[in-house]
Amino acid sequence: MAAIKVEKPTPETLKKLGVEKWPVWSKEQSRFDWHYDDREVCYLLAGRVRVTPAGGQAVEFGAGDLVTLPRGMDCVWEVIEPVRKHYRFG
């Protein structure tokens, strides 16, 4: 399975992807199980998150990070600081 990819995008990359047109999701501090039926790309506007894939190492990311979460991944999301993110599936 592909790994979680975290990068610091340039403004040009965000514009090219059309991130500002993606929906926004927000969540308070919490912890929950999640399964990815499809790949997700998200850009964090605020907050801090730790995602731990089943059988894998935890990955932390936060505001300013562009994150790719692979299709088929089972994981635990831990919202450390309340999060707001743009997201796109597919």
N, C-alpha and C. Protein backbone atom coordinates (compact mmCIF):
# COMPACT_ATOMS: atom_id res chain seq x y z
N MET A 1 0.84 -1.19 0.00
CA MET A 1 0.00 0.00 0.00
C MET A 1 0.88 1.25 0.00
N ALA A 2 0.42 2.27 -0.68
CA ALA A 2 1.15 3.54 -0.74
C ALA A 2 1.20 4.18 0.64
N ALA A 3 2.21 4.99 0.85
CA ALA A 3 2.38 5.68 2.13
C ALA A 3 1.64 7.01 2.12
N ILE A 4 1.45 7.56 3.31
CA ILE A 4 0.91 8.90 3.44
C ILE A 4 2.00 9.87 3.00
N LYS A 5 1.64 10.80 2.13
CA LYS A 5 2.62 11.77 1.60
C LYS A 5 2.29 13.16 2.14
N VAL A 6 3.27 13.80 2.76
CA VAL A 6 3.10 15.15 3.31
C VAL A 6 4.11 16.06 2.64
N GLU A 7 3.63 17.19 2.11
CA GLU A 7 4.54 18.15 1.47
C GLU A 7 4.12 19.58 1.78
N LYS A 8 5.06 20.50 1.61
CA LYS A 8 4.81 21.94 1.79
C LYS A 8 4.65 22.52 0.38
N PRO A 9 3.42 22.76 -0.05
CA PRO A 9 3.21 23.22 -1.42
C PRO A 9 3.52 24.71 -1.60
N THR A 10 3.86 25.06 -2.82
CA THR A 10 4.04 26.47 -3.15
C THR A 10 2.67 27.06 -3.48
N PRO A 11 2.53 28.38 -3.42
CA PRO A 11 1.26 28.99 -3.84
C PRO A 11 0.89 28.61 -5.28
N GLU A 12 1.89 28.44 -6.13
CA GLU A 12 1.63 28.06 -7.52
C GLU A 12 1.03 26.65 -7.60
N THR A 13 1.54 25.73 -6.77
CA THR A 13 1.00 24.37 -6.74
C THR A 13 -0.44 24.39 -6.29
N LEU A 14 -0.75 25.15 -5.24
CA LEU A 14 -2.12 25.23 -4.73
C LEU A 14 -3.06 25.79 -5.79
N LYS A 15 -2.60 26.81 -6.51
CA LYS A 15 -3.42 27.42 -7.56
C LYS A 15 -3.65 26.42 -8.70
N LYS A 16 -2.59 25.72 -9.10
CA LYS A 16 -2.70 24.74 -10.19
C LYS A 16 -3.70 23.63 -9.84
N LEU A 17 -3.70 23.20 -8.57
CA LEU A 17 -4.62 22.15 -8.12
C LEU A 17 -6.05 22.68 -7.93
N GLY A 18 -6.20 24.00 -7.84
CA GLY A 18 -7.52 24.58 -7.61
C GLY A 18 -8.03 24.38 -6.19
N VAL A 19 -7.11 24.32 -5.23
CA VAL A 19 -7.43 23.98 -3.85
C VAL A 19 -8.52 24.88 -3.27
N GLU A 20 -8.50 26.19 -3.59
CA GLU A 20 -9.48 27.09 -2.97
C GLU A 20 -10.92 26.77 -3.38
N LYS A 21 -11.09 25.97 -4.44
CA LYS A 21 -12.44 25.58 -4.89
C LYS A 21 -12.91 24.26 -4.27
N TRP A 22 -12.01 23.56 -3.57
CA TRP A 22 -12.37 22.29 -2.94
C TRP A 22 -13.26 22.56 -1.73
N PRO A 23 -14.09 21.58 -1.33
CA PRO A 23 -14.89 21.74 -0.12
C PRO A 23 -14.00 21.87 1.12
N VAL A 24 -14.58 22.40 2.20
CA VAL A 24 -13.87 22.55 3.47
C VAL A 24 -14.51 21.64 4.50
N TRP A 25 -13.67 20.96 5.27
CA TRP A 25 -14.12 20.09 6.38
C TRP A 25 -13.44 20.57 7.63
N SER A 26 -14.19 20.58 8.74
CA SER A 26 -13.60 20.96 10.01
C SER A 26 -14.02 19.96 11.08
N LYS A 27 -13.18 19.83 12.11
CA LYS A 27 -13.42 18.84 13.16
C LYS A 27 -12.73 19.30 14.44
N GLU A 28 -13.44 19.11 15.57
CA GLU A 28 -12.88 19.44 16.87
C GLU A 28 -11.88 18.35 17.29
N GLN A 29 -11.21 18.58 18.41
CA GLN A 29 -10.30 17.56 18.93
C GLN A 29 -11.08 16.26 19.09
N SER A 30 -10.54 15.18 18.55
CA SER A 30 -11.24 13.89 18.57
C SER A 30 -10.32 12.80 18.10
N ARG A 31 -10.82 11.57 18.18
CA ARG A 31 -10.09 10.39 17.71
C ARG A 31 -11.12 9.44 17.13
N PHE A 32 -10.86 8.95 15.90
CA PHE A 32 -11.83 8.06 15.25
C PHE A 32 -11.14 7.17 14.23
N ASP A 33 -11.76 6.01 13.99
CA ASP A 33 -11.28 5.08 12.95
C ASP A 33 -11.78 5.57 11.60
N TRP A 34 -10.99 5.31 10.55
CA TRP A 34 -11.38 5.73 9.20
C TRP A 34 -10.87 4.74 8.18
N HIS A 35 -11.64 4.55 7.10
CA HIS A 35 -11.22 3.73 5.96
C HIS A 35 -11.34 4.58 4.71
N TYR A 36 -10.31 4.56 3.88
CA TYR A 36 -10.30 5.32 2.63
C TYR A 36 -10.76 4.45 1.47
N ASP A 37 -11.99 4.68 0.99
CA ASP A 37 -12.50 4.00 -0.20
C ASP A 37 -11.83 4.54 -1.45
N ASP A 38 -11.32 5.76 -1.37
CA ASP A 38 -10.65 6.41 -2.48
C ASP A 38 -9.50 7.24 -1.93
N ARG A 39 -8.59 7.64 -2.80
CA ARG A 39 -7.48 8.50 -2.40
C ARG A 39 -8.02 9.87 -2.01
N GLU A 40 -7.45 10.47 -0.96
CA GLU A 40 -7.80 11.83 -0.58
C GLU A 40 -6.56 12.70 -0.66
N VAL A 41 -6.73 13.90 -1.21
CA VAL A 41 -5.70 14.93 -1.16
C VAL A 41 -6.32 16.07 -0.36
N CYS A 42 -5.60 16.55 0.65
CA CYS A 42 -6.14 17.64 1.45
C CYS A 42 -5.06 18.67 1.75
N TYR A 43 -5.52 19.90 1.97
CA TYR A 43 -4.64 21.01 2.33
C TYR A 43 -5.14 21.59 3.64
N LEU A 44 -4.32 21.54 4.68
CA LEU A 44 -4.75 21.99 5.99
C LEU A 44 -4.61 23.50 6.14
N LEU A 45 -5.74 24.13 6.47
CA LEU A 45 -5.78 25.57 6.71
C LEU A 45 -5.44 25.87 8.16
N ALA A 46 -5.80 24.97 9.07
CA ALA A 46 -5.57 25.16 10.50
C ALA A 46 -5.56 23.81 11.18
N GLY A 47 -4.90 23.75 12.32
CA GLY A 47 -4.95 22.55 13.14
C GLY A 47 -3.75 21.65 13.03
N ARG A 48 -3.84 20.54 13.76
CA ARG A 48 -2.77 19.53 13.77
C ARG A 48 -3.42 18.16 13.91
N VAL A 49 -2.94 17.19 13.12
CA VAL A 49 -3.54 15.86 13.04
C VAL A 49 -2.44 14.80 13.10
N ARG A 50 -2.77 13.65 13.71
CA ARG A 50 -1.90 12.47 13.67
C ARG A 50 -2.74 11.34 13.07
N VAL A 51 -2.25 10.75 11.98
CA VAL A 51 -2.93 9.62 11.35
C VAL A 51 -2.03 8.40 11.49
N THR A 52 -2.60 7.32 12.03
CA THR A 52 -1.84 6.08 12.22
C THR A 52 -2.46 4.98 11.37
N PRO A 53 -1.78 4.59 10.27
CA PRO A 53 -2.30 3.49 9.43
C PRO A 53 -2.27 2.17 10.20
N ALA A 54 -3.21 1.29 9.91
CA ALA A 54 -3.23 -0.03 10.53
C ALA A 54 -1.89 -0.71 10.26
N GLY A 55 -1.19 -1.12 11.32
CA GLY A 55 0.09 -1.80 11.18
C GLY A 55 1.23 -0.91 10.76
N GLY A 56 1.03 0.43 10.79
CA GLY A 56 2.08 1.33 10.31
C GLY A 56 2.45 2.39 11.34
N GLN A 57 3.34 3.28 10.92
CA GLN A 57 3.83 4.36 11.77
C GLN A 57 2.92 5.58 11.66
N ALA A 58 2.72 6.26 12.79
CA ALA A 58 1.93 7.50 12.81
C ALA A 58 2.62 8.58 11.99
N VAL A 59 1.80 9.40 11.33
CA VAL A 59 2.29 10.54 10.55
C VAL A 59 1.55 11.77 11.07
N GLU A 60 2.30 12.83 11.43
CA GLU A 60 1.67 14.07 11.89
C GLU A 60 1.79 15.13 10.81
N PHE A 61 0.74 15.95 10.70
CA PHE A 61 0.75 17.06 9.77
C PHE A 61 -0.16 18.16 10.29
N GLY A 62 0.00 19.36 9.72
CA GLY A 62 -0.77 20.49 10.21
C GLY A 62 -0.91 21.59 9.19
N ALA A 63 -1.30 22.76 9.68
CA ALA A 63 -1.58 23.91 8.82
C ALA A 63 -0.44 24.13 7.83
N GLY A 64 -0.80 24.31 6.56
CA GLY A 64 0.19 24.55 5.50
C GLY A 64 0.67 23.31 4.79
N ASP A 65 0.24 22.13 5.26
CA ASP A 65 0.66 20.87 4.63
C ASP A 65 -0.35 20.41 3.59
N LEU A 66 0.16 19.89 2.48
CA LEU A 66 -0.63 19.22 1.46
C LEU A 66 -0.38 17.73 1.65
N VAL A 67 -1.46 16.97 1.89
CA VAL A 67 -1.33 15.58 2.30
C VAL A 67 -2.10 14.68 1.34
N THR A 68 -1.47 13.57 0.94
CA THR A 68 -2.13 12.56 0.11
C THR A 68 -2.28 11.30 0.96
N LEU A 69 -3.52 10.83 1.09
CA LEU A 69 -3.85 9.64 1.89
C LEU A 69 -4.31 8.57 0.91
N PRO A 70 -3.67 7.38 0.93
CA PRO A 70 -3.90 6.39 -0.13
C PRO A 70 -5.24 5.65 -0.02
N ARG A 71 -5.74 5.28 -1.17
CA ARG A 71 -6.95 4.47 -1.28
C ARG A 71 -6.72 3.11 -0.60
N GLY A 72 -7.76 2.64 0.12
CA GLY A 72 -7.70 1.33 0.75
C GLY A 72 -7.10 1.32 2.14
N MET A 73 -6.65 2.48 2.63
CA MET A 73 -6.00 2.54 3.94
C MET A 73 -7.02 2.54 5.07
N ASP A 74 -6.78 1.69 6.07
CA ASP A 74 -7.50 1.74 7.34
C ASP A 74 -6.59 2.46 8.31
N CYS A 75 -7.15 3.38 9.10
CA CYS A 75 -6.30 4.18 9.98
C CYS A 75 -7.10 4.73 11.15
N VAL A 76 -6.37 5.35 12.06
CA VAL A 76 -6.97 6.09 13.17
C VAL A 76 -6.56 7.55 12.99
N TRP A 77 -7.56 8.43 12.96
CA TRP A 77 -7.34 9.87 12.93
C TRP A 77 -7.38 10.40 14.34
N GLU A 78 -6.38 11.18 14.72
CA GLU A 78 -6.40 11.88 16.00
C GLU A 78 -6.24 13.37 15.71
N VAL A 79 -7.30 14.12 15.94
CA VAL A 79 -7.27 15.57 15.74
C VAL A 79 -6.72 16.17 17.03
N ILE A 80 -5.46 16.60 16.97
CA ILE A 80 -4.74 17.12 18.14
C ILE A 80 -5.17 18.56 18.43
N GLU A 81 -5.26 19.37 17.37
CA GLU A 81 -5.75 20.74 17.44
C GLU A 81 -6.87 20.85 16.41
N PRO A 82 -7.98 21.52 16.74
CA PRO A 82 -9.11 21.60 15.81
C PRO A 82 -8.65 21.92 14.39
N VAL A 83 -9.19 21.17 13.44
CA VAL A 83 -8.69 21.21 12.07
C VAL A 83 -9.73 21.80 11.11
N ARG A 84 -9.21 22.54 10.11
CA ARG A 84 -9.98 22.98 8.94
C ARG A 84 -9.13 22.63 7.74
N LYS A 85 -9.74 21.97 6.76
CA LYS A 85 -8.97 21.58 5.58
C LYS A 85 -9.82 21.61 4.33
N HIS A 86 -9.17 21.92 3.21
CA HIS A 86 -9.75 21.71 1.89
C HIS A 86 -9.47 20.25 1.56
N TYR A 87 -10.39 19.58 0.86
CA TYR A 87 -10.14 18.17 0.53
C TYR A 87 -10.74 17.83 -0.83
N ARG A 88 -10.18 16.76 -1.42
CA ARG A 88 -10.67 16.22 -2.70
C ARG A 88 -10.41 14.73 -2.71
N PHE A 89 -11.44 13.98 -3.08
CA PHE A 89 -11.29 12.54 -3.23
C PHE A 89 -11.11 12.20 -4.71
N GLY A 90 -10.37 11.12 -4.96
CA GLY A 90 -10.21 10.65 -6.34
C GLY A 90 -8.82 10.86 -6.87
